[in-house]
C-alpha atoms as a PDB file:
ATOM      1  CA  MET A   1      -1.316  17.101  18.025  1.00  0.00           C
ATOM      2  CA  LYS A   2       2.137  15.697  20.038  1.00  0.00           C
ATOM      3  CA  LYS A   3       0.271  12.874  20.912  1.00  0.00           C
ATOM      4  CA  PHE A   4      -1.704  12.109  18.025  1.00  0.00           C
ATOM      5  CA  THR A   5       1.568  12.073  15.942  1.00  0.00           C
ATOM      6  CA  LEU A   6       3.340   9.568  18.100  1.00  0.00           C
ATOM      7  CA  ILE A   7       0.628   7.386  18.386  1.00  0.00           C
ATOM      8  CA  ILE A   8       0.140   6.895  14.694  1.00  0.00           C
ATOM      9  CA  ALA A   9       3.593   6.992  13.818  1.00  0.00           C
ATOM     10  CA  ALA A  10       3.935   3.299  13.461  1.00  0.00           C
ATOM     11  CA  PHE A  11       1.633   2.743  10.733  1.00  0.00           C
ATOM     12  CA  LEU A  12       1.638   6.574   8.649  1.00  0.00           C
ATOM     13  CA  MET A  13       5.249   6.052   8.772  1.00  0.00           C
ATOM     14  CA  ILE A  14       5.739  10.036   9.462  1.00  0.00           C
ATOM     15  CA  SER A  15       8.605  11.737   7.782  1.00  0.00           C
ATOM     16  CA  GLY A  16       8.696  15.401   7.890  1.00  0.00           C
ATOM     17  CA  GLN A  17       7.701  17.973   5.016  1.00  0.00           C
ATOM     18  CA  ILE A  18       9.210  18.052   2.023  1.00  0.00           C
ATOM     19  CA  THR A  19      12.096  20.284   1.637  1.00  0.00           C
ATOM     20  CA  ALA A  20      13.021  22.791  -1.760  1.00  0.00           C
ATOM     21  CA  GLN A  21      16.485  20.893  -1.388  1.00  0.00           C
ATOM     22  CA  THR A  22      14.471  17.506  -1.635  1.00  0.00           C
ATOM     23  CA  LYS A  23      11.984  18.966  -4.667  1.00  0.00           C
ATOM     24  CA  GLN A  24      15.228  19.558  -6.182  1.00  0.00           C
ATOM     25  CA  LYS A  25      16.554  16.159  -5.838  1.00  0.00           C
ATOM     26  CA  SER A  26      12.863  14.544  -6.618  1.00  0.00           C
ATOM     27  CA  LYS A  27      13.203  15.999 -10.030  1.00  0.00           C
ATOM     28  CA  LYS A  28      16.850  14.879 -10.799  1.00  0.00           C
ATOM     29  CA  MET A  29      15.605  11.997  -9.432  1.00  0.00           C
ATOM     30  CA  ASN A  30      13.066  11.489 -11.963  1.00  0.00           C
ATOM     31  CA  THR A  31      15.506  11.912 -14.626  1.00  0.00           C
ATOM     32  CA  THR A  32      17.411   8.819 -13.443  1.00  0.00           C
ATOM     33  CA  GLU A  33      14.588   6.707 -12.670  1.00  0.00           C
ATOM     34  CA  HIS A  34      15.320   5.853  -9.471  1.00  0.00           C
ATOM     35  CA  TYR A  35      14.093   2.213  -8.425  1.00  0.00           C
ATOM     36  CA  THR A  36      14.829   0.143  -5.459  1.00  0.00           C
ATOM     37  CA  PHE A  37      15.655  -3.040  -7.468  1.00  0.00           C
ATOM     38  CA  GLN A  38      16.814  -4.346 -10.479  1.00  0.00           C
ATOM     39  CA  ILE A  39      14.349  -5.214 -13.448  1.00  0.00           C
ATOM     40  CA  SER A  40      14.910  -8.587 -14.759  1.00  0.00           C
ATOM     41  CA  ASP A  41      15.921  -8.897 -17.912  1.00  0.00           C
ATOM     42  CA  LYS A  42      12.824 -10.907 -18.964  1.00  0.00           C
ATOM     43  CA  VAL A  43      10.878  -8.186 -18.371  1.00  0.00           C
ATOM     44  CA  THR A  44       9.889  -4.870 -19.894  1.00  0.00           C
ATOM     45  CA  ARG A  45       8.381  -1.700 -17.958  1.00  0.00           C
ATOM     46  CA  GLN A  46       6.785   1.116 -19.064  1.00  0.00           C
ATOM     47  CA  LYS A  47       5.003   4.221 -17.586  1.00  0.00           C
ATOM     48  CA  VAL A  48       1.358   4.508 -17.792  1.00  0.00           C
ATOM     49  CA  SER A  49      -1.157   6.862 -16.473  1.00  0.00           C
ATOM     50  CA  PHE A  50      -4.844   6.340 -15.643  1.00  0.00           C
ATOM     51  CA  LYS A  51      -7.879   8.214 -14.009  1.00  0.00           C
ATOM     52  CA  ASN A  52     -10.086   7.141 -11.289  1.00  0.00           C
ATOM     53  CA  ARG A  53     -13.745   7.225 -10.151  1.00  0.00           C
ATOM     54  CA  TYR A  54     -13.006  10.839  -8.495  1.00  0.00           C
ATOM     55  CA  GLY A  55     -10.997  12.236 -12.079  1.00  0.00           C
ATOM     56  CA  ILE A  56      -7.780  11.709  -9.931  1.00  0.00           C
ATOM     57  CA  THR A  57      -4.651  10.761 -12.484  1.00  0.00           C
ATOM     58  CA  LEU A  58      -2.706   7.668 -10.838  1.00  0.00           C
ATOM     59  CA  SER A  59       0.811   7.020 -12.021  1.00  0.00           C
ATOM     60  CA  GLY A  60       1.598   3.466 -12.697  1.00  0.00           C
ATOM     61  CA  ASP A  61       4.856   1.330 -14.559  1.00  0.00           C
ATOM     62  CA  LEU A  62       3.387  -1.009 -16.286  1.00  0.00           C
ATOM     63  CA  TYR A  63       5.348  -4.658 -16.404  1.00  0.00           C
ATOM     64  CA  LEU A  64       5.444  -7.274 -19.193  1.00  0.00           C
ATOM     65  CA  PRO A  65       6.765 -10.622 -19.895  1.00  0.00           C
ATOM     66  CA  LYS A  66       9.345 -10.441 -22.571  1.00  0.00           C
ATOM     67  CA  ASN A  67       7.664 -12.024 -25.965  1.00  0.00           C
ATOM     68  CA  SER A  68       4.392 -12.441 -24.199  1.00  0.00           C
ATOM     69  CA  GLY A  69       1.177 -12.937 -26.657  1.00  0.00           C
ATOM     70  CA  ASN A  70      -2.879 -12.764 -25.729  1.00  0.00           C
ATOM     71  CA  ASN A  71      -5.438 -13.193 -23.535  1.00  0.00           C
ATOM     72  CA  LEU A  72      -2.802 -12.427 -20.583  1.00  0.00           C
ATOM     73  CA  SER A  73      -3.807 -12.511 -17.044  1.00  0.00           C
ATOM     74  CA  ALA A  74      -3.161  -9.592 -15.174  1.00  0.00           C
ATOM     75  CA  ILE A  75      -2.192  -8.195 -11.762  1.00  0.00           C
ATOM     76  CA  ALA A  76      -2.418  -4.678  -9.686  1.00  0.00           C
ATOM     77  CA  ILE A  77      -0.457  -4.344  -6.902  1.00  0.00           C
ATOM     78  CA  SER A  78      -0.112  -1.380  -4.653  1.00  0.00           C
ATOM     79  CA  GLY A  79       0.856  -0.776  -1.302  1.00  0.00           C
ATOM     80  CA  PRO A  80       2.975  -0.468   1.652  1.00  0.00           C
ATOM     81  CA  PHE A  81       0.766   2.769   2.685  1.00  0.00           C
ATOM     82  CA  GLY A  82       2.764   5.581   2.165  1.00  0.00           C
ATOM     83  CA  ALA A  83       5.496   4.033  -0.084  1.00  0.00           C
ATOM     84  CA  VAL A  84       5.993   4.649  -3.622  1.00  0.00           C
ATOM     85  CA  LYS A  85       5.514   2.045  -6.759  1.00  0.00           C
ATOM     86  CA  GLU A  86       9.577   2.614  -7.392  1.00  0.00           C
ATOM     87  CA  GLN A  87       9.745   0.242  -3.986  1.00  0.00           C
ATOM     88  CA  SER A  88       7.974  -2.860  -2.948  1.00  0.00           C
ATOM     89  CA  SER A  89       4.805  -3.189  -5.106  1.00  0.00           C
ATOM     90  CA  GLY A  90       7.482  -2.361  -8.352  1.00  0.00           C
ATOM     91  CA  LEU A  91       9.537  -5.224  -6.607  1.00  0.00           C
ATOM     92  CA  TYR A  92       6.565  -7.101  -7.178  1.00  0.00           C
ATOM     93  CA  ALA A  93       5.486  -6.326 -10.235  1.00  0.00           C
ATOM     94  CA  ASN A  94       8.772  -7.349 -11.665  1.00  0.00           C
ATOM     95  CA  GLN A  95       8.583 -10.699 -10.127  1.00  0.00           C
ATOM     96  CA  MET A  96       5.108 -11.554 -11.121  1.00  0.00           C
ATOM     97  CA  ALA A  97       5.841 -10.342 -14.764  1.00  0.00           C
ATOM     98  CA  GLU A  98       9.320 -12.669 -15.243  1.00  0.00           C
ATOM     99  CA  ARG A  99       6.668 -15.388 -14.445  1.00  0.00           C
ATOM    100  CA  GLY A 100       4.120 -14.715 -16.590  1.00  0.00           C
ATOM    101  CA  PHE A 101       1.800 -12.235 -15.787  1.00  0.00           C
ATOM    102  CA  VAL A 102       0.855  -8.399 -16.562  1.00  0.00           C
ATOM    103  CA  ALA A 103       2.147  -6.398 -13.603  1.00  0.00           C
ATOM    104  CA  LEU A 104       0.876  -3.070 -12.969  1.00  0.00           C
ATOM    105  CA  ALA A 105       2.372  -1.461  -9.816  1.00  0.00           C
ATOM    106  CA  PHE A 106       0.629   1.791  -9.449  1.00  0.00           C
ATOM    107  CA  ASP A 107       0.834   4.903  -7.062  1.00  0.00           C
ATOM    108  CA  PRO A 108      -2.424   5.772  -4.916  1.00  0.00           C
ATOM    109  CA  SER A 109      -4.216   9.329  -5.115  1.00  0.00           C
ATOM    110  CA  TYR A 110      -2.605  11.974  -3.254  1.00  0.00           C
ATOM    111  CA  THR A 111       0.795   9.832  -3.286  1.00  0.00           C
ATOM    112  CA  GLY A 112       3.878   9.424  -5.473  1.00  0.00           C
ATOM    113  CA  GLU A 113       3.467  10.675  -9.112  1.00  0.00           C
ATOM    114  CA  SER A 114      -0.274  10.402  -8.770  1.00  0.00           C
ATOM    115  CA  GLY A 115      -2.399  13.352  -9.189  1.00  0.00           C
ATOM    116  CA  GLY A 116      -4.696  15.339  -6.092  1.00  0.00           C
ATOM    117  CA  GLU A 117      -3.585  17.790  -3.787  1.00  0.00           C
ATOM    118  CA  PRO A 118      -3.511  18.378  -1.220  1.00  0.00           C
ATOM    119  CA  ARG A 119      -0.401  16.017  -1.114  1.00  0.00           C
ATOM    120  CA  ASN A 120      -0.033  12.831   1.296  1.00  0.00           C
ATOM    121  CA  ILE A 121      -4.160  12.489   2.048  1.00  0.00           C
ATOM    122  CA  SER A 122      -5.470   9.170   2.766  1.00  0.00           C
ATOM    123  CA  SER A 123      -9.248   8.216   2.265  1.00  0.00           C
ATOM    124  CA  SER A 124     -11.119   4.821   2.686  1.00  0.00           C
ATOM    125  CA  ASP A 125     -13.125   5.357   0.061  1.00  0.00           C
ATOM    126  CA  ILE A 126     -10.761   6.668  -2.425  1.00  0.00           C
ATOM    127  CA  ASN A 127      -7.704   4.492  -1.925  1.00  0.00           C
ATOM    128  CA  THR A 128     -10.251   1.566  -2.265  1.00  0.00           C
ATOM    129  CA  GLU A 129     -11.407   3.098  -5.450  1.00  0.00           C
ATOM    130  CA  ASP A 130      -7.807   3.013  -6.825  1.00  0.00           C
ATOM    131  CA  PHE A 131      -7.925  -0.405  -7.081  1.00  0.00           C
ATOM    132  CA  SER A 132     -10.634  -0.469  -9.194  1.00  0.00           C
ATOM    133  CA  ALA A 133      -9.683   1.772 -11.504  1.00  0.00           C
ATOM    134  CA  ALA A 134      -6.411   0.108 -11.529  1.00  0.00           C
ATOM    135  CA  VAL A 135      -8.541  -2.514 -12.904  1.00  0.00           C
ATOM    136  CA  ASP A 136     -10.607  -0.787 -15.091  1.00  0.00           C
ATOM    137  CA  PHE A 137      -7.682   0.420 -17.150  1.00  0.00           C
ATOM    138  CA  LEU A 138      -5.801  -3.338 -17.398  1.00  0.00           C
ATOM    139  CA  GLY A 139      -9.332  -4.635 -18.851  1.00  0.00           C
ATOM    140  CA  LEU A 140      -8.982  -2.098 -21.365  1.00  0.00           C
ATOM    141  CA  GLN A 141      -5.549  -3.298 -22.482  1.00  0.00           C
ATOM    142  CA  LYS A 142      -5.900  -5.453 -25.729  1.00  0.00           C
ATOM    143  CA  ASN A 143      -3.303  -8.095 -24.711  1.00  0.00           C
ATOM    144  CA  ILE A 144      -5.276  -8.604 -21.331  1.00  0.00           C
ATOM    145  CA  ASP A 145      -8.064 -11.020 -20.970  1.00  0.00           C
ATOM    146  CA  ARG A 146      -9.988  -8.984 -18.235  1.00  0.00           C
ATOM    147  CA  ASN A 147     -11.945 -11.843 -17.107  1.00  0.00           C
ATOM    148  CA  LYS A 148      -8.455 -12.907 -15.319  1.00  0.00           C
ATOM    149  CA  ILE A 149      -7.627  -9.694 -13.284  1.00  0.00           C
ATOM    150  CA  GLY A 150      -6.050 -10.532  -9.782  1.00  0.00           C
ATOM    151  CA  ILE A 151      -4.877  -7.770  -6.862  1.00  0.00           C
ATOM    152  CA  ILE A 152      -2.053  -7.833  -4.815  1.00  0.00           C
ATOM    153  CA  GLY A 153      -2.320  -5.716  -1.780  1.00  0.00           C
ATOM    154  CA  ILE A 154       1.005  -4.849   0.296  1.00  0.00           C
ATOM    155  CA  CYS A 155       1.111  -3.762   4.646  1.00  0.00           C
ATOM    156  CA  GLY A 156      -1.678  -0.718   4.396  1.00  0.00           C
ATOM    157  CA  PHE A 157      -2.938  -1.898   0.787  1.00  0.00           C
ATOM    158  CA  GLY A 158      -3.568  -5.157   1.639  1.00  0.00           C
ATOM    159  CA  GLY A 159      -6.420  -3.992   3.821  1.00  0.00           C
ATOM    160  CA  PHE A 160      -8.202  -1.526   0.688  1.00  0.00           C
ATOM    161  CA  ALA A 161      -7.003  -4.421  -1.624  1.00  0.00           C
ATOM    162  CA  LEU A 162      -9.775  -6.812   0.311  1.00  0.00           C
ATOM    163  CA  ASN A 163     -12.440  -3.912   0.766  1.00  0.00           C
ATOM    164  CA  ALA A 164     -12.055  -3.424  -3.171  1.00  0.00           C
ATOM    165  CA  THR A 165     -12.331  -7.303  -3.912  1.00  0.00           C
ATOM    166  CA  ALA A 166     -15.178  -7.643  -1.940  1.00  0.00           C
ATOM    167  CA  VAL A 167     -17.057  -4.544  -3.665  1.00  0.00           C
ATOM    168  CA  ASP A 168     -15.631  -5.354  -7.271  1.00  0.00           C
ATOM    169  CA  LYS A 169     -16.841  -8.271  -8.620  1.00  0.00           C
ATOM    170  CA  ARG A 170     -13.948  -7.898 -11.762  1.00  0.00           C
ATOM    171  CA  ILE A 171     -11.671  -9.131  -9.699  1.00  0.00           C
ATOM    172  CA  LYS A 172     -10.936 -12.885  -9.735  1.00  0.00           C
ATOM    173  CA  ALA A 173      -7.963 -13.469  -6.978  1.00  0.00           C
ATOM    174  CA  ILE A 174      -6.815 -11.525  -4.400  1.00  0.00           C
ATOM    175  CA  VAL A 175      -2.812 -11.815  -2.269  1.00  0.00           C
ATOM    176  CA  THR A 176      -2.027  -9.837   0.354  1.00  0.00           C
ATOM    177  CA  THR A 177       1.264  -9.543   2.389  1.00  0.00           C
ATOM    178  CA  SER A 178       1.791  -8.407   5.711  1.00  0.00           C
ATOM    179  CA  MET A 179      -1.730  -6.878   5.470  1.00  0.00           C
ATOM    180  CA  TYR A 180      -2.710  -4.030   7.622  1.00  0.00           C
ATOM    181  CA  ASP A 181      -6.123  -2.660   8.386  1.00  0.00           C
ATOM    182  CA  ILE A 182      -4.962   0.733   8.137  1.00  0.00           C
ATOM    183  CA  PRO A 183      -8.412   2.447   9.249  1.00  0.00           C
ATOM    184  CA  ARG A 184      -9.166  -0.005  11.955  1.00  0.00           C
ATOM    185  CA  ASN A 185      -5.318   0.729  13.507  1.00  0.00           C
ATOM    186  CA  THR A 186      -5.894   4.428  13.003  1.00  0.00           C
ATOM    187  CA  SER A 187      -9.341   4.581  15.118  1.00  0.00           C
ATOM    188  CA  ASN A 188      -8.225   2.199  17.497  1.00  0.00           C
ATOM    189  CA  ASP A 189      -4.611   1.281  18.042  1.00  0.00           C
ATOM    190  CA  TYR A 190      -2.618  -1.547  18.110  1.00  0.00           C
ATOM    191  CA  TYR A 191      -4.446  -4.658  19.139  1.00  0.00           C
ATOM    192  CA  ASP A 192      -7.903  -2.271  19.727  1.00  0.00           C
ATOM    193  CA  LYS A 193      -6.196  -1.227  22.737  1.00  0.00           C
ATOM    194  CA  ARG A 194      -7.696   2.683  22.394  1.00  0.00           C
ATOM    195  CA  THR A 195     -10.252   3.578  24.995  1.00  0.00           C
ATOM    196  CA  PRO A 196     -13.028   5.999  23.885  1.00  0.00           C
ATOM    197  CA  GLU A 197     -11.870   8.866  26.034  1.00  0.00           C
ATOM    198  CA  GLU A 198      -8.552   8.367  23.808  1.00  0.00           C
ATOM    199  CA  ARG A 199     -10.049   8.264  21.040  1.00  0.00           C
ATOM    200  CA  THR A 200     -11.899  11.157  21.459  1.00  0.00           C
ATOM    201  CA  LYS A 201      -9.156  13.221  22.480  1.00  0.00           C
ATOM    202  CA  ILE A 202      -7.373  12.733  19.034  1.00  0.00           C
ATOM    203  CA  LEU A 203     -10.131  13.656  17.099  1.00  0.00           C
ATOM    204  CA  THR A 204     -10.597  16.868  19.191  1.00  0.00           C
ATOM    205  CA  GLU A 205      -7.057  17.623  18.313  1.00  0.00           C
ATOM    206  CA  MET A 206      -7.743  16.688  14.446  1.00  0.00           C
ATOM    207  CA  SER A 207     -10.634  18.825  14.391  1.00  0.00           C
ATOM    208  CA  LEU A 208      -8.912  22.086  16.342  1.00  0.00           C
ATOM    209  CA  GLN A 209      -6.060  21.344  13.649  1.00  0.00           C
ATOM    210  CA  ARG A 210      -8.289  22.063  10.798  1.00  0.00           C
ATOM    211  CA  TRP A 211      -9.006  25.582  11.986  1.00  0.00           C
ATOM    212  CA  LYS A 212      -5.628  26.243  11.946  1.00  0.00           C
ATOM    213  CA  ASP A 213      -5.299  24.709   8.711  1.00  0.00           C
ATOM    214  CA  ALA A 214      -8.183  26.725   7.134  1.00  0.00           C
ATOM    215  CA  GLU A 215      -6.601  30.190   8.969  1.00  0.00           C
ATOM    216  CA  SER A 216      -3.247  29.619   6.795  1.00  0.00           C
ATOM    217  CA  GLY A 217      -4.771  28.132   3.816  1.00  0.00           C
ATOM    218  CA  LYS A 218      -2.228  25.232   4.091  1.00  0.00           C
ATOM    219  CA  THR A 219      -2.204  22.125   5.128  1.00  0.00           C
ATOM    220  CA  SER A 220      -0.016  21.010   7.986  1.00  0.00           C
ATOM    221  CA  TYR A 221       2.388  17.954   8.344  1.00  0.00           C
ATOM    222  CA  PRO A 222       4.221  16.795  11.010  1.00  0.00           C
ATOM    223  CA  GLU A 223       8.097  16.236  11.414  1.00  0.00           C
ATOM    224  CA  ASN A 224       9.941  12.973  10.171  1.00  0.00           C
ATOM    225  CA  GLY A 225       9.070  10.060  12.855  1.00  0.00           C
ATOM    226  CA  LEU A 226      11.392   7.478  11.583  1.00  0.00           C
ATOM    227  CA  GLY A 227      13.858   9.865  11.319  1.00  0.00           C
ATOM    228  CA  GLN A 228      13.424  10.165  14.811  1.00  0.00           C
ATOM    229  CA  THR A 229      14.302   6.522  15.238  1.00  0.00           C
ATOM    230  CA  THR A 230      16.601   5.957  18.532  1.00  0.00           C
ATOM    231  CA  GLU A 231      17.326   2.508  20.062  1.00  0.00           C
ATOM    232  CA  ALA A 232      14.687   2.960  22.397  1.00  0.00           C
ATOM    233  CA  SER A 233      12.324   2.772  19.694  1.00  0.00           C
ATOM    234  CA  PRO A 234      10.144  -0.019  19.120  1.00  0.00           C
ATOM    235  CA  GLN A 235      11.682  -3.125  17.519  1.00  0.00           C
ATOM    236  CA  PHE A 236       9.092  -2.468  14.937  1.00  0.00           C
ATOM    237  CA  ILE A 237       9.392   1.250  14.049  1.00  0.00           C
ATOM    238  CA  LYS A 238      13.520  -0.116  13.966  1.00  0.00           C
ATOM    239  CA  GLU A 239      12.648  -2.181  11.149  1.00  0.00           C
ATOM    240  CA  TYR A 240      10.540   0.463   9.248  1.00  0.00           C
ATOM    241  CA  HIS A 241      13.421   2.359   9.684  1.00  0.00           C
ATOM    242  CA  ASP A 242      16.165  -0.134   8.037  1.00  0.00           C
ATOM    243  CA  TYR A 243      14.191  -0.211   4.485  1.00  0.00           C
ATOM    244  CA  TYR A 244      12.782   3.615   4.234  1.00  0.00           C
ATOM    245  CA  LYS A 245      15.250   5.323   5.712  1.00  0.00           C
ATOM    246  CA  THR A 246      18.317   3.204   4.584  1.00  0.00           C
ATOM    247  CA  PRO A 247      19.277   2.603   1.011  1.00  0.00           C
ATOM    248  CA  ARG A 248      17.407  -1.149   0.742  1.00  0.00           C
ATOM    249  CA  GLY A 249      14.412   0.815   0.058  1.00  0.00           C
ATOM    250  CA  PHE A 250      14.591   4.659   0.353  1.00  0.00           C
ATOM    251  CA  HIS A 251      12.752   6.514  -2.280  1.00  0.00           C
ATOM    252  CA  GLU A 252      12.803  10.655  -2.221  1.00  0.00           C
ATOM    253  CA  ARG A 253       9.336  10.644  -3.212  1.00  0.00           C
ATOM    254  CA  SER A 254       7.881   7.708  -0.658  1.00  0.00           C
ATOM    255  CA  ILE A 255       6.058   9.382   2.352  1.00  0.00           C
ATOM    256  CA  ASN A 256       7.814   7.154   4.643  1.00  0.00           C
ATOM    257  CA  SER A 257      11.004   7.704   3.188  1.00  0.00           C
ATOM    258  CA  ASN A 258      11.131  11.417   2.881  1.00  0.00           C
ATOM    259  CA  ALA A 259       7.796  13.388   3.721  1.00  0.00           C
ATOM    260  CA  ALA A 260       4.856  13.227   5.598  1.00  0.00           C
ATOM    261  CA  TRP A 261       1.262  12.131   5.806  1.00  0.00           C
ATOM    262  CA  SER A 262      -0.790  15.098   6.505  1.00  0.00           C
ATOM    263  CA  LYS A 263      -1.531  16.005  10.355  1.00  0.00           C
ATOM    264  CA  THR A 264      -5.475  15.675   9.468  1.00  0.00           C
ATOM    265  CA  SER A 265      -4.972  12.456   6.805  1.00  0.00           C
ATOM    266  CA  GLY A 266      -6.444  10.163   9.809  1.00  0.00           C
ATOM    267  CA  PHE A 267     -10.061  12.470   9.758  1.00  0.00           C
ATOM    268  CA  SER A 268     -11.772  10.207   7.104  1.00  0.00           C
ATOM    269  CA  LEU A 269      -9.875   6.804   8.381  1.00  0.00           C
ATOM    270  CA  MET A 270     -11.282   7.081  12.029  1.00  0.00           C
ATOM    271  CA  ASN A 271     -14.901   7.173  11.110  1.00  0.00           C
ATOM    272  CA  PHE A 272     -14.948   5.281   7.594  1.00  0.00           C
ATOM    273  CA  PRO A 273     -13.901   1.559   8.505  1.00  0.00           C
ATOM    274  CA  ILE A 274     -13.061  -0.970   5.677  1.00  0.00           C
ATOM    275  CA  LEU A 275     -13.553  -4.680   5.540  1.00  0.00           C
ATOM    276  CA  SER A 276     -17.667  -4.883   6.937  1.00  0.00           C
ATOM    277  CA  TYR A 277     -18.096  -7.075   3.848  1.00  0.00           C
ATOM    278  CA  ILE A 278     -15.334  -9.435   3.916  1.00  0.00           C
ATOM    279  CA  GLN A 279     -17.207 -12.238   3.424  1.00  0.00           C
ATOM    280  CA  GLU A 280     -18.776 -10.755   0.169  1.00  0.00           C
ATOM    281  CA  ILE A 281     -15.330 -11.702  -1.399  1.00  0.00           C
ATOM    282  CA  SER A 282     -16.436 -15.406  -1.607  1.00  0.00           C
ATOM    283  CA  PRO A 283     -16.265 -17.530  -3.755  1.00  0.00           C
ATOM    284  CA  ARG A 284     -13.167 -15.915  -4.938  1.00  0.00           C
ATOM    285  CA  PRO A 285     -10.298 -17.049  -3.403  1.00  0.00           C
ATOM    286  CA  MET A 286      -7.747 -14.858  -1.044  1.00  0.00           C
ATOM    287  CA  LEU A 287      -4.111 -16.071   0.194  1.00  0.00           C
ATOM    288  CA  LEU A 288      -3.452 -13.971   3.022  1.00  0.00           C
ATOM    289  CA  ILE A 289       0.435 -14.285   3.534  1.00  0.00           C
ATOM    290  CA  ALA A 290       1.980 -12.967   7.053  1.00  0.00           C
ATOM    291  CA  GLY A 291       5.655 -13.149   8.319  1.00  0.00           C
ATOM    292  CA  GLU A 292       5.349 -15.365  11.821  1.00  0.00           C
ATOM    293  CA  LYS A 293       7.506 -12.364  13.886  1.00  0.00           C
ATOM    294  CA  ALA A 294       5.406  -9.747  12.239  1.00  0.00           C
ATOM    295  CA  HIS A 295       3.938  -7.112  14.430  1.00  0.00           C
ATOM    296  CA  SER A 296       0.856  -6.680  12.201  1.00  0.00           C
ATOM    297  CA  ARG A 297       0.245 -10.536  11.666  1.00  0.00           C
ATOM    298  CA  TYR A 298      -3.229 -10.573  14.014  1.00  0.00           C
ATOM    299  CA  PHE A 299      -4.486  -8.529  11.304  1.00  0.00           C
ATOM    300  CA  SER A 300      -4.461 -11.374   8.703  1.00  0.00           C
ATOM    301  CA  GLU A 301      -5.476 -13.833  10.940  1.00  0.00           C
ATOM    302  CA  ASP A 302      -8.507 -11.877  12.265  1.00  0.00           C
ATOM    303  CA  ILE A 303      -9.729 -11.683   8.221  1.00  0.00           C
ATOM    304  CA  TYR A 304      -8.673 -15.343   8.174  1.00  0.00           C
ATOM    305  CA  LYS A 305     -11.204 -15.880  10.722  1.00  0.00           C
ATOM    306  CA  SER A 306     -14.172 -13.755   9.336  1.00  0.00           C
ATOM    307  CA  ALA A 307     -13.753 -14.542   5.853  1.00  0.00           C
ATOM    308  CA  SER A 308     -15.470 -16.928   4.219  1.00  0.00           C
ATOM    309  CA  GLU A 309     -13.848 -20.026   1.990  1.00  0.00           C
ATOM    310  CA  PRO A 310     -11.626 -20.286  -0.216  1.00  0.00           C
ATOM    311  CA  LYS A 311      -9.326 -19.012   1.741  1.00  0.00           C
ATOM    312  CA  GLU A 312      -5.661 -19.326   3.070  1.00  0.00           C
ATOM    313  CA  LEU A 313      -3.724 -17.921   5.603  1.00  0.00           C
ATOM    314  CA  MET A 314       0.256 -18.358   4.861  1.00  0.00           C
ATOM    315  CA  ILE A 315       2.993 -18.060   7.769  1.00  0.00           C
ATOM    316  CA  ILE A 316       6.505 -17.046   7.023  1.00  0.00           C
ATOM    317  CA  PRO A 317       8.816 -18.461   9.666  1.00  0.00           C
ATOM    318  CA  ASN A 318      11.225 -16.137  11.344  1.00  0.00           C
ATOM    319  CA  ALA A 319      10.015 -13.580   8.856  1.00  0.00           C
ATOM    320  CA  VAL A 320       9.021  -9.670  10.368  1.00  0.00           C
ATOM    321  CA  HIS A 321       6.777  -7.565   8.497  1.00  0.00           C
ATOM    322  CA  VAL A 322       8.968  -5.725   6.208  1.00  0.00           C
ATOM    323  CA  ASP A 323      10.501  -8.700   5.250  1.00  0.00           C
ATOM    324  CA  LEU A 324       7.767  -9.396   2.962  1.00  0.00           C
ATOM    325  CA  TYR A 325       8.644  -5.945   1.447  1.00  0.00           C
ATOM    326  CA  ASP A 326      11.724  -6.776  -0.634  1.00  0.00           C
ATOM    327  CA  LYS A 327      13.415  -9.983   0.710  1.00  0.00           C
ATOM    328  CA  THR A 328      12.641 -12.623  -2.167  1.00  0.00           C
ATOM    329  CA  ASP A 329      14.086 -15.348  -0.181  1.00  0.00           C
ATOM    330  CA  ALA A 330      11.298 -15.137   2.137  1.00  0.00           C
ATOM    331  CA  ILE A 331       8.135 -13.551  -0.155  1.00  0.00           C
ATOM    332  CA  PRO A 332       6.430 -16.747  -1.491  1.00  0.00           C
ATOM    333  CA  PHE A 333       6.467 -15.979  -5.133  1.00  0.00           C
ATOM    334  CA  ASP A 334       6.011 -19.227  -6.448  1.00  0.00           C
ATOM    335  CA  LYS A 335       3.246 -19.802  -4.019  1.00  0.00           C
ATOM    336  CA  ILE A 336       1.539 -16.543  -5.200  1.00  0.00           C
ATOM    337  CA  GLN A 337       2.162 -17.702  -8.954  1.00  0.00           C
ATOM    338  CA  ASP A 338       1.049 -20.914  -8.540  1.00  0.00           C
ATOM    339  CA  PHE A 339      -2.184 -19.340  -6.619  1.00  0.00           C
ATOM    340  CA  PHE A 340      -3.275 -16.733  -9.643  1.00  0.00           C
ATOM    341  CA  LYS A 341      -2.140 -19.345 -12.170  1.00  0.00           C
ATOM    342  CA  ILE A 342      -5.113 -21.315 -10.957  1.00  0.00           C
ATOM    343  CA  ASN A 343      -7.278 -18.805  -9.801  1.00  0.00           C
ATOM    344  CA  LEU A 344      -6.899 -16.497 -13.055  1.00  0.00           C
ATOM    345  CA  LYS A 345      -8.351 -19.047 -16.049  1.00  0.00           C
END
């Protein structure tokens, strides 16, 4: 499994099993409400929970503009892949609520404070469903107009957000930032350079790992990939490290900061692609935002080429992938605000 771990470390952000000490720290931080950003004085935040179609209870933070009325537009937000709602998605929700929207940042199934066992598992189907479950929740709130709901997907949850929008016609508009197609990357590696022989070897290793997990009765996790970052690491790995492993973006519940995707988490991702029906988002609009210098830029460009109108691709000058996680001077929130005000009405 060593080779497989190294191959997928870039986008799975492998980060080691949670130790007893980490769990104790997590409980303490739960009490102190650790967020990686400051909430606006124009916004209120409340803990919420809701179930998806599989019966998994999802945990979210609902951000509302102060002194808001009824018939409000709402946005469901999740990502990056392996992050939690106290990180980037919460920052986005805070910004959008400050601009007059109800915004729900949520932890996907099997991660953060959301339910699902074993922990730190990803699924093309379930992670797509998580967005639709968030739409369910928003549409049941008395102050929200259920005909004015959009979604924002960050990083890997940009791909799942696009997939959810294609199938769920209640979603009226979608924005993605630093979008990743996680199943494509897991299966084919960056720029689809993986050979069939390499793919077969990875699948064989994961299949044999299942015997080990079945025999032990426990889910296995690799070591902390970002924790092994050195000067020799690729530049984009260093950029991930700068966000997830430093005070800038560290959160003890974040898989990328302090935990690990299971060794077999890629099992379904390898064989269940998403975005096959990207053209079915039309005539609902999409806005794809990527950094000019982001290693992931090609994902957004490829979707833009294959999607039907209306669509827009916005490239942020000089920005790298993680700049669109938390740098409010790089994330075009005014553009996102205008996009949703025009299209959620």
